[in-house]
Amino acid sequence: MKVSKLLVGLFAGVMSLAAYAQEPIVIKFSHVVSVDTPKGKAAEYFAKKASELTAGKVKVEVYANSTLYKDKEEMEALQLGAVQMLAPSLAKFGPLGVKGFEVFDLPYIFDGYADLHKITTGPVGKSLLAKLEPKGIQGLAFWDNGFKSFSANTPLKTPADYKGLKMRIQSSKVLEQQIRSIGGLPQMMAFSEVYQALQTGVVDGTENPISNLYTQKMHEVQKHLTLTEHGYLGYAVIVNKKFWNGLPADIRKQLDDAMVQATTYANEIAKAENDSALEKVKQSGKTTIHTPTKEERLALKKALVPVHSKMEDRIGKDVIQSVYQETGFDPSKL
C-alpha cells in the first residue's frame, strides 16, 4: 500500500512538472499597420492581457507592418492555419464571398461613433461575424481605427475637385464606386506601397484616418488634407476557427476576456489617436488642412450617398436597411 501511494505521488509530481514545463500556446497575430496606430497598440495590449489572464500559458506574437504577411496573403494564411489571428479591414471579406461587411465602406452611412457602435456591438455586427464561420473563420470583435478623410496634392473643397485624380483605395468595390461617383480614378493598392506611390506620383491622393496618414508619413507627400470624415475604417479581429475551437475551454474563456478588454481599449483610443495625429500633421507644416463648411460637407455627402443604392445588389439591401433602422439614417432627407 505504501509503495502504491509512493508511486501515485511520484506520478503526480512528474505530471505536475510536465505541466509546469509545458511550452506556452503561441498565437501569431499579423497585421499590416504601424505599431503606433490604434490597431497596432490594441494588438500589443491584447498580447499583454492574454499573457496575464492565462498566467503565461498563451504567448501572442504580434507582427506589425506586414512583416509576416502582405495584405493579399493574410487571409489565405489564416485559413490554412499558418497564422492564427488577424485584424483585417472590413473590406477584406468581400473576396471570400461575405460581402455584407462592405456596408462599413459606404460613405456617410454613420454619423459619428455613437451610430457606428450601434452596429459593431449590436445584432447587425454579430450576424455579420457569424457569416465567417463557414469559411473556417471565427470573428471575435470589431476594432475602430476611425473616420477617413481625403488627401491630395491639390485642394479638395468641392466634388468637382476630385475629377481625374488617381485616388488610392484598398481593394473594395464599394470604395471603387465611391471614387468614381466624384469623378476620381480609383487605384487599388496595398497599404505598405502607398507612401512610395504618393511620393512618385503613381497616385495623386488617398483616404485615411489621420492616424494612418501620420504614422505612415503620407502627410509628407500630400500637400492638402480635407477633413471630410466621409467613411469609416475599422477591423474585425478574427481567428482560425479550428485552432480557436481546439483550445482548452478555460484558455479560450481567458482569451475572450482579454479580447473584451483589448476591444474597449482599442475603441477608446481610436479617436484620441486621430486627434493627436491631426495636431502633429498641423505642427509639421507640410500639409494644408481644410475643414469643410456646412455647405461643402453637404455637397460631398449628396454626391456620395447614392453609392448606397448602387451597391444594394452587392452588399445586400437587407444589410443596408438594417443599418438604417439601427441608426435612423434616411438618405431621402438629404
C-alpha atoms as a PDB file:
ATOM      1  CA  MET A   1       0.000   0.000   0.000  1.00  0.00           C
ATOM      2  CA  LYS A   2       2.813   2.388   0.928  1.00  0.00           C
ATOM      3  CA  VAL A   3       4.625   1.605  -2.335  1.00  0.00           C
ATOM      4  CA  SER A   4       1.424   2.186  -4.287  1.00  0.00           C
ATOM      5  CA  LYS A   5       0.885   5.539  -2.628  1.00  0.00           C
ATOM      6  CA  LEU A   6       4.506   6.467  -3.262  1.00  0.00           C
ATOM      7  CA  LEU A   7       4.173   5.607  -6.949  1.00  0.00           C
ATOM      8  CA  VAL A   8       0.981   7.643  -7.205  1.00  0.00           C
ATOM      9  CA  GLY A   9       2.734  10.581  -5.562  1.00  0.00           C
ATOM     10  CA  LEU A  10       5.746  10.293  -7.850  1.00  0.00           C
ATOM     11  CA  PHE A  11       3.481  10.088 -10.900  1.00  0.00           C
ATOM     12  CA  ALA A  12       1.548  13.156  -9.795  1.00  0.00           C
ATOM     13  CA  GLY A  13       4.798  15.019  -9.275  1.00  0.00           C
ATOM     14  CA  VAL A  14       6.090  14.073 -12.717  1.00  0.00           C
ATOM     15  CA  MET A  15       2.803  15.183 -14.298  1.00  0.00           C
ATOM     16  CA  SER A  16       2.952  18.445 -12.372  1.00  0.00           C
ATOM     17  CA  LEU A  17       6.486  19.092 -13.566  1.00  0.00           C
ATOM     18  CA  ALA A  18       5.488  18.227 -17.133  1.00  0.00           C
ATOM     19  CA  ALA A  19       2.610  20.692 -16.960  1.00  0.00           C
ATOM     20  CA  TYR A  20       4.906  23.323 -15.459  1.00  0.00           C
ATOM     21  CA  ALA A  21       7.469  22.792 -18.206  1.00  0.00           C
ATOM     22  CA  GLN A  22       4.893  22.781 -20.982  1.00  0.00           C
ATOM     23  CA  GLU A  23       5.584  25.295 -23.726  1.00  0.00           C
ATOM     24  CA  PRO A  24       3.060  28.155 -23.973  1.00  0.00           C
ATOM     25  CA  ILE A  25       0.462  28.143 -26.735  1.00  0.00           C
ATOM     26  CA  VAL A  26       1.690  30.533 -29.423  1.00  0.00           C
ATOM     27  CA  ILE A  27      -0.743  32.764 -31.313  1.00  0.00           C
ATOM     28  CA  LYS A  28       0.730  34.565 -34.290  1.00  0.00           C
ATOM     29  CA  PHE A  29      -1.160  37.842 -34.705  1.00  0.00           C
ATOM     30  CA  SER A  30      -0.362  39.503 -38.042  1.00  0.00           C
ATOM     31  CA  HIS A  31      -1.417  42.983 -39.187  1.00  0.00           C
ATOM     32  CA  VAL A  32      -0.344  45.484 -41.811  1.00  0.00           C
ATOM     33  CA  VAL A  33      -0.118  48.812 -39.987  1.00  0.00           C
ATOM     34  CA  SER A  34       2.375  50.504 -37.681  1.00  0.00           C
ATOM     35  CA  VAL A  35       2.764  49.586 -34.017  1.00  0.00           C
ATOM     36  CA  ASP A  36       1.816  53.133 -33.012  1.00  0.00           C
ATOM     37  CA  THR A  37      -1.592  53.165 -34.747  1.00  0.00           C
ATOM     38  CA  PRO A  38      -4.776  52.350 -32.792  1.00  0.00           C
ATOM     39  CA  LYS A  39      -4.800  48.808 -34.184  1.00  0.00           C
ATOM     40  CA  GLY A  40      -1.099  48.353 -33.518  1.00  0.00           C
ATOM     41  CA  LYS A  41      -1.455  49.472 -29.900  1.00  0.00           C
ATOM     42  CA  ALA A  42      -4.574  47.353 -29.372  1.00  0.00           C
ATOM     43  CA  ALA A  43      -2.808  44.252 -30.701  1.00  0.00           C
ATOM     44  CA  GLU A  44       0.038  44.773 -28.243  1.00  0.00           C
ATOM     45  CA  TYR A  45      -2.476  45.359 -25.448  1.00  0.00           C
ATOM     46  CA  PHE A  46      -4.268  42.110 -26.284  1.00  0.00           C
ATOM     47  CA  ALA A  47      -0.941  40.242 -26.224  1.00  0.00           C
ATOM     48  CA  LYS A  48      -0.204  41.661 -22.772  1.00  0.00           C
ATOM     49  CA  LYS A  49      -3.656  40.810 -21.395  1.00  0.00           C
ATOM     50  CA  ALA A  50      -3.602  37.318 -22.911  1.00  0.00           C
ATOM     51  CA  SER A  51      -0.338  36.568 -21.116  1.00  0.00           C
ATOM     52  CA  GLU A  52      -1.624  37.994 -17.829  1.00  0.00           C
ATOM     53  CA  LEU A  53      -5.014  36.287 -17.814  1.00  0.00           C
ATOM     54  CA  THR A  54      -3.658  32.883 -18.862  1.00  0.00           C
ATOM     55  CA  ALA A  55      -0.723  33.128 -16.424  1.00  0.00           C
ATOM     56  CA  GLY A  56       1.735  32.799 -19.294  1.00  0.00           C
ATOM     57  CA  LYS A  57       0.072  29.761 -20.871  1.00  0.00           C
ATOM     58  CA  VAL A  58      -0.506  31.765 -24.055  1.00  0.00           C
ATOM     59  CA  LYS A  59       2.086  33.826 -25.877  1.00  0.00           C
ATOM     60  CA  VAL A  60       0.761  36.207 -28.536  1.00  0.00           C
ATOM     61  CA  GLU A  61       3.409  37.148 -31.075  1.00  0.00           C
ATOM     62  CA  VAL A  62       2.390  40.371 -32.850  1.00  0.00           C
ATOM     63  CA  TYR A  63       3.741  41.001 -36.349  1.00  0.00           C
ATOM     64  CA  ALA A  64       3.108  44.617 -37.412  1.00  0.00           C
ATOM     65  CA  ASN A  65       3.768  46.455 -40.676  1.00  0.00           C
ATOM     66  CA  SER A  66       3.252  43.410 -42.926  1.00  0.00           C
ATOM     67  CA  THR A  67       6.394  41.784 -41.542  1.00  0.00           C
ATOM     68  CA  LEU A  68       4.792  38.342 -41.655  1.00  0.00           C
ATOM     69  CA  TYR A  69       2.261  38.585 -44.482  1.00  0.00           C
ATOM     70  CA  LYS A  70       1.244  41.230 -47.006  1.00  0.00           C
ATOM     71  CA  ASP A  71      -2.347  42.438 -47.332  1.00  0.00           C
ATOM     72  CA  LYS A  72      -3.272  39.945 -50.038  1.00  0.00           C
ATOM     73  CA  GLU A  73      -1.630  36.976 -48.318  1.00  0.00           C
ATOM     74  CA  GLU A  74      -3.072  37.350 -44.825  1.00  0.00           C
ATOM     75  CA  MET A  75      -6.481  35.784 -45.251  1.00  0.00           C
ATOM     76  CA  GLU A  76      -5.241  32.679 -47.021  1.00  0.00           C
ATOM     77  CA  ALA A  77      -2.569  32.224 -44.354  1.00  0.00           C
ATOM     78  CA  LEU A  78      -5.236  32.370 -41.650  1.00  0.00           C
ATOM     79  CA  GLN A  79      -7.482  29.857 -43.386  1.00  0.00           C
ATOM     80  CA  LEU A  80      -4.540  27.488 -43.837  1.00  0.00           C
ATOM     81  CA  GLY A  81      -3.568  27.890 -40.179  1.00  0.00           C
ATOM     82  CA  ALA A  82      -0.149  29.393 -40.911  1.00  0.00           C
ATOM     83  CA  VAL A  83      -1.182  32.356 -38.765  1.00  0.00           C
ATOM     84  CA  GLN A  84      -3.794  32.189 -36.022  1.00  0.00           C
ATOM     85  CA  MET A  85      -5.097  35.758 -35.679  1.00  0.00           C
ATOM     86  CA  LEU A  86      -5.637  38.758 -37.929  1.00  0.00           C
ATOM     87  CA  ALA A  87      -7.375  42.120 -37.750  1.00  0.00           C
ATOM     88  CA  PRO A  88      -8.103  42.891 -41.418  1.00  0.00           C
ATOM     89  CA  SER A  89     -10.082  45.875 -42.612  1.00  0.00           C
ATOM     90  CA  LEU A  90     -13.718  45.045 -43.222  1.00  0.00           C
ATOM     91  CA  ALA A  91     -13.395  45.299 -46.999  1.00  0.00           C
ATOM     92  CA  LYS A  92     -11.220  42.175 -46.988  1.00  0.00           C
ATOM     93  CA  PHE A  93     -14.174  39.803 -46.591  1.00  0.00           C
ATOM     94  CA  GLY A  94     -15.746  40.587 -49.969  1.00  0.00           C
ATOM     95  CA  PRO A  95     -13.333  38.319 -51.876  1.00  0.00           C
ATOM     96  CA  LEU A  96     -14.391  35.475 -49.543  1.00  0.00           C
ATOM     97  CA  GLY A  97     -17.967  35.920 -50.681  1.00  0.00           C
ATOM     98  CA  VAL A  98     -19.047  37.553 -47.420  1.00  0.00           C
ATOM     99  CA  LYS A  99     -19.944  40.919 -48.913  1.00  0.00           C
ATOM    100  CA  GLY A 100     -22.185  42.217 -46.152  1.00  0.00           C
ATOM    101  CA  PHE A 101     -19.140  43.643 -44.344  1.00  0.00           C
ATOM    102  CA  GLU A 102     -18.776  46.137 -47.180  1.00  0.00           C
ATOM    103  CA  VAL A 103     -21.672  48.064 -45.654  1.00  0.00           C
ATOM    104  CA  PHE A 104     -18.986  49.650 -43.468  1.00  0.00           C
ATOM    105  CA  ASP A 105     -17.338  51.065 -46.610  1.00  0.00           C
ATOM    106  CA  LEU A 106     -20.416  53.035 -47.641  1.00  0.00           C
ATOM    107  CA  PRO A 107     -19.727  56.773 -47.476  1.00  0.00           C
ATOM    108  CA  TYR A 108     -21.567  58.773 -44.819  1.00  0.00           C
ATOM    109  CA  ILE A 109     -23.567  55.813 -43.520  1.00  0.00           C
ATOM    110  CA  PHE A 110     -22.515  56.595 -39.935  1.00  0.00           C
ATOM    111  CA  ASP A 111     -22.923  59.984 -38.319  1.00  0.00           C
ATOM    112  CA  GLY A 112     -20.171  59.504 -35.766  1.00  0.00           C
ATOM    113  CA  TYR A 113     -19.076  56.858 -33.288  1.00  0.00           C
ATOM    114  CA  ALA A 114     -22.425  56.532 -31.496  1.00  0.00           C
ATOM    115  CA  ASP A 115     -24.123  55.382 -34.704  1.00  0.00           C
ATOM    116  CA  LEU A 116     -21.216  53.139 -35.588  1.00  0.00           C
ATOM    117  CA  HIS A 117     -21.169  51.318 -32.251  1.00  0.00           C
ATOM    118  CA  LYS A 118     -24.878  50.544 -32.516  1.00  0.00           C
ATOM    119  CA  ILE A 119     -23.805  48.281 -35.366  1.00  0.00           C
ATOM    120  CA  THR A 120     -20.448  46.888 -34.236  1.00  0.00           C
ATOM    121  CA  THR A 121     -21.654  45.987 -30.752  1.00  0.00           C
ATOM    122  CA  GLY A 122     -25.213  45.083 -31.700  1.00  0.00           C
ATOM    123  CA  PRO A 123     -27.116  42.344 -33.559  1.00  0.00           C
ATOM    124  CA  VAL A 124     -26.088  43.518 -37.043  1.00  0.00           C
ATOM    125  CA  GLY A 125     -22.400  43.177 -36.200  1.00  0.00           C
ATOM    126  CA  LYS A 126     -22.886  39.779 -34.562  1.00  0.00           C
ATOM    127  CA  SER A 127     -24.812  38.452 -37.578  1.00  0.00           C
ATOM    128  CA  LEU A 128     -22.027  39.573 -39.921  1.00  0.00           C
ATOM    129  CA  LEU A 129     -19.323  37.864 -37.851  1.00  0.00           C
ATOM    130  CA  ALA A 130     -21.370  34.656 -37.833  1.00  0.00           C
ATOM    131  CA  LYS A 131     -21.254  34.585 -41.638  1.00  0.00           C
ATOM    132  CA  LEU A 132     -17.496  33.987 -41.489  1.00  0.00           C
ATOM    133  CA  GLU A 133     -17.776  30.616 -39.781  1.00  0.00           C
ATOM    134  CA  PRO A 134     -18.437  28.549 -42.945  1.00  0.00           C
ATOM    135  CA  LYS A 135     -15.140  29.976 -44.242  1.00  0.00           C
ATOM    136  CA  GLY A 136     -13.232  28.483 -41.304  1.00  0.00           C
ATOM    137  CA  ILE A 137     -13.006  31.846 -39.555  1.00  0.00           C
ATOM    138  CA  GLN A 138     -14.186  32.822 -36.087  1.00  0.00           C
ATOM    139  CA  GLY A 139     -14.987  36.501 -35.591  1.00  0.00           C
ATOM    140  CA  LEU A 140     -14.146  37.863 -32.151  1.00  0.00           C
ATOM    141  CA  ALA A 141     -14.629  41.639 -32.197  1.00  0.00           C
ATOM    142  CA  PHE A 142     -14.683  44.877 -34.156  1.00  0.00           C
ATOM    143  CA  TRP A 143     -11.934  47.429 -33.556  1.00  0.00           C
ATOM    144  CA  ASP A 144     -12.160  51.077 -34.611  1.00  0.00           C
ATOM    145  CA  ASN A 145      -9.471  52.925 -36.454  1.00  0.00           C
ATOM    146  CA  GLY A 146     -11.541  55.990 -37.167  1.00  0.00           C
ATOM    147  CA  PHE A 147     -13.220  58.070 -39.811  1.00  0.00           C
ATOM    148  CA  LYS A 148     -11.386  58.702 -43.057  1.00  0.00           C
ATOM    149  CA  SER A 149     -10.526  61.979 -44.750  1.00  0.00           C
ATOM    150  CA  PHE A 150      -9.331  62.671 -48.263  1.00  0.00           C
ATOM    151  CA  SER A 151      -5.862  63.983 -49.085  1.00  0.00           C
ATOM    152  CA  ALA A 152      -4.251  65.011 -52.379  1.00  0.00           C
ATOM    153  CA  ASN A 153      -1.687  67.369 -53.840  1.00  0.00           C
ATOM    154  CA  THR A 154      -4.439  69.781 -54.904  1.00  0.00           C
ATOM    155  CA  PRO A 155      -7.148  71.393 -52.727  1.00  0.00           C
ATOM    156  CA  LEU A 156     -10.307  69.315 -52.237  1.00  0.00           C
ATOM    157  CA  LYS A 157     -13.273  71.554 -51.470  1.00  0.00           C
ATOM    158  CA  THR A 158     -15.981  70.515 -53.921  1.00  0.00           C
ATOM    159  CA  PRO A 159     -16.899  67.196 -55.577  1.00  0.00           C
ATOM    160  CA  ALA A 160     -15.559  68.604 -58.859  1.00  0.00           C
ATOM    161  CA  ASP A 161     -12.068  68.866 -57.334  1.00  0.00           C
ATOM    162  CA  TYR A 162     -11.728  65.066 -57.369  1.00  0.00           C
ATOM    163  CA  LYS A 163     -12.297  64.755 -61.115  1.00  0.00           C
ATOM    164  CA  GLY A 164      -9.433  62.933 -62.815  1.00  0.00           C
ATOM    165  CA  LEU A 165      -7.429  62.377 -59.619  1.00  0.00           C
ATOM    166  CA  LYS A 166      -5.870  58.946 -59.134  1.00  0.00           C
ATOM    167  CA  MET A 167      -7.037  58.077 -55.626  1.00  0.00           C
ATOM    168  CA  ARG A 168      -5.600  55.109 -53.764  1.00  0.00           C
ATOM    169  CA  ILE A 169      -8.137  52.822 -52.140  1.00  0.00           C
ATOM    170  CA  GLN A 170      -7.923  49.427 -50.538  1.00  0.00           C
ATOM    171  CA  SER A 171      -9.482  46.591 -52.509  1.00  0.00           C
ATOM    172  CA  SER A 172     -13.226  47.262 -52.301  1.00  0.00           C
ATOM    173  CA  LYS A 173     -15.900  47.500 -54.977  1.00  0.00           C
ATOM    174  CA  VAL A 174     -17.752  49.959 -52.760  1.00  0.00           C
ATOM    175  CA  LEU A 175     -14.760  52.283 -52.466  1.00  0.00           C
ATOM    176  CA  GLU A 176     -14.179  51.932 -56.188  1.00  0.00           C
ATOM    177  CA  GLN A 177     -17.725  53.178 -56.823  1.00  0.00           C
ATOM    178  CA  GLN A 178     -17.272  55.899 -54.209  1.00  0.00           C
ATOM    179  CA  ILE A 179     -14.298  57.407 -56.042  1.00  0.00           C
ATOM    180  CA  ARG A 180     -15.974  57.085 -59.444  1.00  0.00           C
ATOM    181  CA  SER A 181     -19.050  58.887 -58.102  1.00  0.00           C
ATOM    182  CA  ILE A 182     -16.990  62.063 -57.687  1.00  0.00           C
ATOM    183  CA  GLY A 183     -15.060  61.686 -60.943  1.00  0.00           C
ATOM    184  CA  GLY A 184     -11.873  60.235 -59.489  1.00  0.00           C
ATOM    185  CA  LEU A 185      -9.882  57.265 -60.749  1.00  0.00           C
ATOM    186  CA  PRO A 186      -9.727  54.516 -58.092  1.00  0.00           C
ATOM    187  CA  GLN A 187      -6.351  52.841 -57.698  1.00  0.00           C
ATOM    188  CA  MET A 188      -6.326  49.659 -55.597  1.00  0.00           C
ATOM    189  CA  MET A 189      -3.002  49.243 -53.827  1.00  0.00           C
ATOM    190  CA  ALA A 190      -1.538  47.515 -50.784  1.00  0.00           C
ATOM    191  CA  PHE A 191      -1.239  49.788 -47.756  1.00  0.00           C
ATOM    192  CA  SER A 192       2.509  49.213 -47.485  1.00  0.00           C
ATOM    193  CA  GLU A 193       3.015  50.594 -51.013  1.00  0.00           C
ATOM    194  CA  VAL A 194       1.067  53.843 -50.647  1.00  0.00           C
ATOM    195  CA  TYR A 195       3.807  56.195 -49.397  1.00  0.00           C
ATOM    196  CA  GLN A 196       6.088  55.459 -52.329  1.00  0.00           C
ATOM    197  CA  ALA A 197       3.201  55.679 -54.783  1.00  0.00           C
ATOM    198  CA  LEU A 198       2.296  59.125 -53.460  1.00  0.00           C
ATOM    199  CA  GLN A 199       5.935  60.198 -53.433  1.00  0.00           C
ATOM    200  CA  THR A 200       6.473  59.190 -57.062  1.00  0.00           C
ATOM    201  CA  GLY A 201       3.117  60.417 -58.365  1.00  0.00           C
ATOM    202  CA  VAL A 202       1.779  56.966 -59.214  1.00  0.00           C
ATOM    203  CA  VAL A 203      -1.310  58.104 -57.299  1.00  0.00           C
ATOM    204  CA  ASP A 204      -2.449  61.656 -56.551  1.00  0.00           C
ATOM    205  CA  GLY A 205      -4.235  61.157 -53.284  1.00  0.00           C
ATOM    206  CA  THR A 206      -5.796  58.782 -50.815  1.00  0.00           C
ATOM    207  CA  GLU A 207      -8.284  58.398 -47.956  1.00  0.00           C
ATOM    208  CA  ASN A 208      -7.246  57.532 -44.420  1.00  0.00           C
ATOM    209  CA  PRO A 209      -7.957  58.078 -40.760  1.00  0.00           C
ATOM    210  CA  ILE A 210      -5.445  60.715 -39.717  1.00  0.00           C
ATOM    211  CA  SER A 211      -3.520  58.265 -37.530  1.00  0.00           C
ATOM    212  CA  ASN A 212      -2.699  56.157 -40.605  1.00  0.00           C
ATOM    213  CA  LEU A 213      -1.833  59.239 -42.654  1.00  0.00           C
ATOM    214  CA  TYR A 214       0.574  60.437 -39.979  1.00  0.00           C
ATOM    215  CA  THR A 215       2.239  57.188 -38.878  1.00  0.00           C
ATOM    216  CA  GLN A 216       2.910  56.205 -42.496  1.00  0.00           C
ATOM    217  CA  LYS A 217       4.268  59.738 -43.149  1.00  0.00           C
ATOM    218  CA  MET A 218       1.850  60.259 -46.023  1.00  0.00           C
ATOM    219  CA  HIS A 219       1.412  63.872 -44.908  1.00  0.00           C
ATOM    220  CA  GLU A 220       4.986  64.449 -46.050  1.00  0.00           C
ATOM    221  CA  VAL A 221       3.957  63.694 -49.634  1.00  0.00           C
ATOM    222  CA  GLN A 222       0.444  65.176 -49.611  1.00  0.00           C
ATOM    223  CA  LYS A 223       0.054  68.929 -49.849  1.00  0.00           C
ATOM    224  CA  HIS A 224      -3.621  69.075 -48.917  1.00  0.00           C
ATOM    225  CA  LEU A 225      -5.881  67.304 -46.432  1.00  0.00           C
ATOM    226  CA  THR A 226      -9.628  67.906 -46.203  1.00  0.00           C
ATOM    227  CA  LEU A 227     -11.350  66.712 -43.032  1.00  0.00           C
ATOM    228  CA  THR A 228     -14.259  65.067 -44.811  1.00  0.00           C
ATOM    229  CA  GLU A 229     -14.731  62.179 -42.350  1.00  0.00           C
ATOM    230  CA  HIS A 230     -16.762  60.610 -45.132  1.00  0.00           C
ATOM    231  CA  GLY A 231     -16.095  56.962 -44.385  1.00  0.00           C
ATOM    232  CA  TYR A 232     -15.152  54.561 -41.648  1.00  0.00           C
ATOM    233  CA  LEU A 233     -12.126  52.341 -41.352  1.00  0.00           C
ATOM    234  CA  GLY A 234     -12.337  49.542 -38.856  1.00  0.00           C
ATOM    235  CA  TYR A 235     -11.237  45.974 -38.402  1.00  0.00           C
ATOM    236  CA  ALA A 236     -12.652  42.611 -37.472  1.00  0.00           C
ATOM    237  CA  VAL A 237     -10.415  40.633 -35.157  1.00  0.00           C
ATOM    238  CA  ILE A 238     -10.591  37.072 -36.441  1.00  0.00           C
ATOM    239  CA  VAL A 239      -9.008  33.712 -35.704  1.00  0.00           C
ATOM    240  CA  ASN A 240      -8.645  30.367 -37.409  1.00  0.00           C
ATOM    241  CA  LYS A 241     -11.833  28.608 -36.271  1.00  0.00           C
ATOM    242  CA  LYS A 242     -10.283  25.141 -35.984  1.00  0.00           C
ATOM    243  CA  PHE A 243      -7.414  26.479 -33.876  1.00  0.00           C
ATOM    244  CA  TRP A 244      -9.742  28.509 -31.647  1.00  0.00           C
ATOM    245  CA  ASN A 245     -12.182  25.652 -31.043  1.00  0.00           C
ATOM    246  CA  GLY A 246      -9.241  23.341 -30.285  1.00  0.00           C
ATOM    247  CA  LEU A 247      -8.091  25.450 -27.335  1.00  0.00           C
ATOM    248  CA  PRO A 248      -8.918  24.260 -23.820  1.00  0.00           C
ATOM    249  CA  ALA A 249     -12.200  25.814 -22.686  1.00  0.00           C
ATOM    250  CA  ASP A 250     -10.596  27.681 -19.778  1.00  0.00           C
ATOM    251  CA  ILE A 251      -7.900  29.168 -22.028  1.00  0.00           C
ATOM    252  CA  ARG A 252     -10.477  30.225 -24.589  1.00  0.00           C
ATOM    253  CA  LYS A 253     -12.537  31.937 -21.874  1.00  0.00           C
ATOM    254  CA  GLN A 254      -9.461  33.811 -20.639  1.00  0.00           C
ATOM    255  CA  LEU A 255      -8.632  34.910 -24.182  1.00  0.00           C
ATOM    256  CA  ASP A 256     -12.231  36.042 -24.681  1.00  0.00           C
ATOM    257  CA  ASP A 257     -11.845  38.199 -21.584  1.00  0.00           C
ATOM    258  CA  ALA A 258      -8.554  39.580 -22.919  1.00  0.00           C
ATOM    259  CA  MET A 259     -10.269  40.423 -26.214  1.00  0.00           C
ATOM    260  CA  VAL A 260     -13.111  42.254 -24.463  1.00  0.00           C
ATOM    261  CA  GLN A 261     -10.564  44.390 -22.604  1.00  0.00           C
ATOM    262  CA  ALA A 262      -8.488  44.991 -25.748  1.00  0.00           C
ATOM    263  CA  THR A 263     -11.597  45.989 -27.703  1.00  0.00           C
ATOM    264  CA  THR A 264     -12.605  48.534 -25.081  1.00  0.00           C
ATOM    265  CA  TYR A 265      -9.059  49.883 -25.137  1.00  0.00           C
ATOM    266  CA  ALA A 266      -8.910  49.959 -28.969  1.00  0.00           C
ATOM    267  CA  ASN A 267     -12.151  51.847 -29.350  1.00  0.00           C
ATOM    268  CA  GLU A 268     -11.358  54.308 -26.565  1.00  0.00           C
ATOM    269  CA  ILE A 269      -8.019  55.312 -28.061  1.00  0.00           C
ATOM    270  CA  ALA A 270      -9.078  55.458 -31.730  1.00  0.00           C
ATOM    271  CA  LYS A 271     -10.475  58.998 -31.668  1.00  0.00           C
ATOM    272  CA  ALA A 272      -7.778  60.237 -29.287  1.00  0.00           C
ATOM    273  CA  GLU A 273      -5.047  58.860 -31.564  1.00  0.00           C
ATOM    274  CA  ASN A 274      -6.582  60.511 -34.627  1.00  0.00           C
ATOM    275  CA  ASP A 275      -6.962  63.841 -32.822  1.00  0.00           C
ATOM    276  CA  SER A 276      -3.331  63.645 -31.694  1.00  0.00           C
ATOM    277  CA  ALA A 277      -2.148  62.730 -35.199  1.00  0.00           C
ATOM    278  CA  LEU A 278      -4.050  65.682 -36.659  1.00  0.00           C
ATOM    279  CA  GLU A 279      -2.236  68.059 -34.318  1.00  0.00           C
ATOM    280  CA  LYS A 280       1.087  66.541 -35.370  1.00  0.00           C
ATOM    281  CA  VAL A 281       0.222  66.938 -39.053  1.00  0.00           C
ATOM    282  CA  LYS A 282      -0.618  70.593 -38.367  1.00  0.00           C
ATOM    283  CA  GLN A 283       2.642  71.092 -36.492  1.00  0.00           C
ATOM    284  CA  SER A 284       4.662  69.570 -39.341  1.00  0.00           C
ATOM    285  CA  GLY A 285       3.665  72.415 -41.629  1.00  0.00           C
ATOM    286  CA  LYS A 286       3.878  70.070 -44.610  1.00  0.00           C
ATOM    287  CA  THR A 287       0.164  69.797 -45.326  1.00  0.00           C
ATOM    288  CA  THR A 288      -2.532  72.441 -45.677  1.00  0.00           C
ATOM    289  CA  ILE A 289      -5.580  71.301 -43.701  1.00  0.00           C
ATOM    290  CA  HIS A 290      -9.088  72.318 -44.742  1.00  0.00           C
ATOM    291  CA  THR A 291     -12.191  71.915 -42.593  1.00  0.00           C
ATOM    292  CA  PRO A 292     -15.247  71.818 -44.877  1.00  0.00           C
ATOM    293  CA  THR A 293     -18.029  74.318 -44.377  1.00  0.00           C
ATOM    294  CA  LYS A 294     -21.523  73.006 -43.712  1.00  0.00           C
ATOM    295  CA  GLU A 295     -22.379  73.622 -47.376  1.00  0.00           C
ATOM    296  CA  GLU A 296     -19.237  71.868 -48.646  1.00  0.00           C
ATOM    297  CA  ARG A 297     -19.878  68.846 -46.447  1.00  0.00           C
ATOM    298  CA  LEU A 298     -23.480  68.575 -47.631  1.00  0.00           C
ATOM    299  CA  ALA A 299     -22.431  68.834 -51.296  1.00  0.00           C
ATOM    300  CA  LEU A 300     -19.947  65.966 -50.891  1.00  0.00           C
ATOM    301  CA  LYS A 301     -22.490  63.937 -48.942  1.00  0.00           C
ATOM    302  CA  LYS A 302     -25.109  64.371 -51.674  1.00  0.00           C
ATOM    303  CA  ALA A 303     -22.542  63.286 -54.278  1.00  0.00           C
ATOM    304  CA  LEU A 304     -21.524  60.162 -52.361  1.00  0.00           C
ATOM    305  CA  VAL A 305     -24.648  58.789 -50.661  1.00  0.00           C
ATOM    306  CA  PRO A 306     -26.131  57.492 -53.969  1.00  0.00           C
ATOM    307  CA  VAL A 307     -23.388  54.846 -53.736  1.00  0.00           C
ATOM    308  CA  HIS A 308     -25.592  53.152 -51.112  1.00  0.00           C
ATOM    309  CA  SER A 309     -28.339  52.251 -53.579  1.00  0.00           C
ATOM    310  CA  LYS A 310     -25.839  51.366 -56.303  1.00  0.00           C
ATOM    311  CA  MET A 311     -24.267  48.779 -54.005  1.00  0.00           C
ATOM    312  CA  GLU A 312     -27.501  47.155 -52.783  1.00  0.00           C
ATOM    313  CA  ASP A 313     -27.162  44.143 -55.069  1.00  0.00           C
ATOM    314  CA  ARG A 314     -23.613  43.521 -53.898  1.00  0.00           C
ATOM    315  CA  ILE A 315     -23.877  44.171 -50.153  1.00  0.00           C
ATOM    316  CA  GLY A 316     -27.482  43.135 -49.704  1.00  0.00           C
ATOM    317  CA  LYS A 317     -30.354  45.586 -49.424  1.00  0.00           C
ATOM    318  CA  ASP A 318     -31.379  43.898 -46.177  1.00  0.00           C
ATOM    319  CA  VAL A 319     -27.982  44.610 -44.582  1.00  0.00           C
ATOM    320  CA  ILE A 320     -28.055  48.268 -45.609  1.00  0.00           C
ATOM    321  CA  GLN A 321     -31.634  48.672 -44.391  1.00  0.00           C
ATOM    322  CA  SER A 322     -30.779  47.037 -41.061  1.00  0.00           C
ATOM    323  CA  VAL A 323     -28.067  49.668 -40.539  1.00  0.00           C
ATOM    324  CA  TYR A 324     -30.509  52.457 -41.441  1.00  0.00           C
ATOM    325  CA  GLN A 325     -33.010  51.073 -38.932  1.00  0.00           C
ATOM    326  CA  GLU A 326     -30.450  50.945 -36.125  1.00  0.00           C
ATOM    327  CA  THR A 327     -29.012  54.412 -36.776  1.00  0.00           C
ATOM    328  CA  GLY A 328     -32.068  56.268 -38.065  1.00  0.00           C
ATOM    329  CA  PHE A 329     -30.318  57.387 -41.252  1.00  0.00           C
ATOM    330  CA  ASP A 330     -32.663  58.324 -44.109  1.00  0.00           C
ATOM    331  CA  PRO A 331     -30.956  59.127 -47.442  1.00  0.00           C
ATOM    332  CA  SER A 332     -34.163  60.635 -48.851  1.00  0.00           C
ATOM    333  CA  LYS A 333     -33.915  63.519 -46.388  1.00  0.00           C
ATOM    334  CA  LEU A 334     -30.616  64.884 -47.708  1.00  0.00           C
END
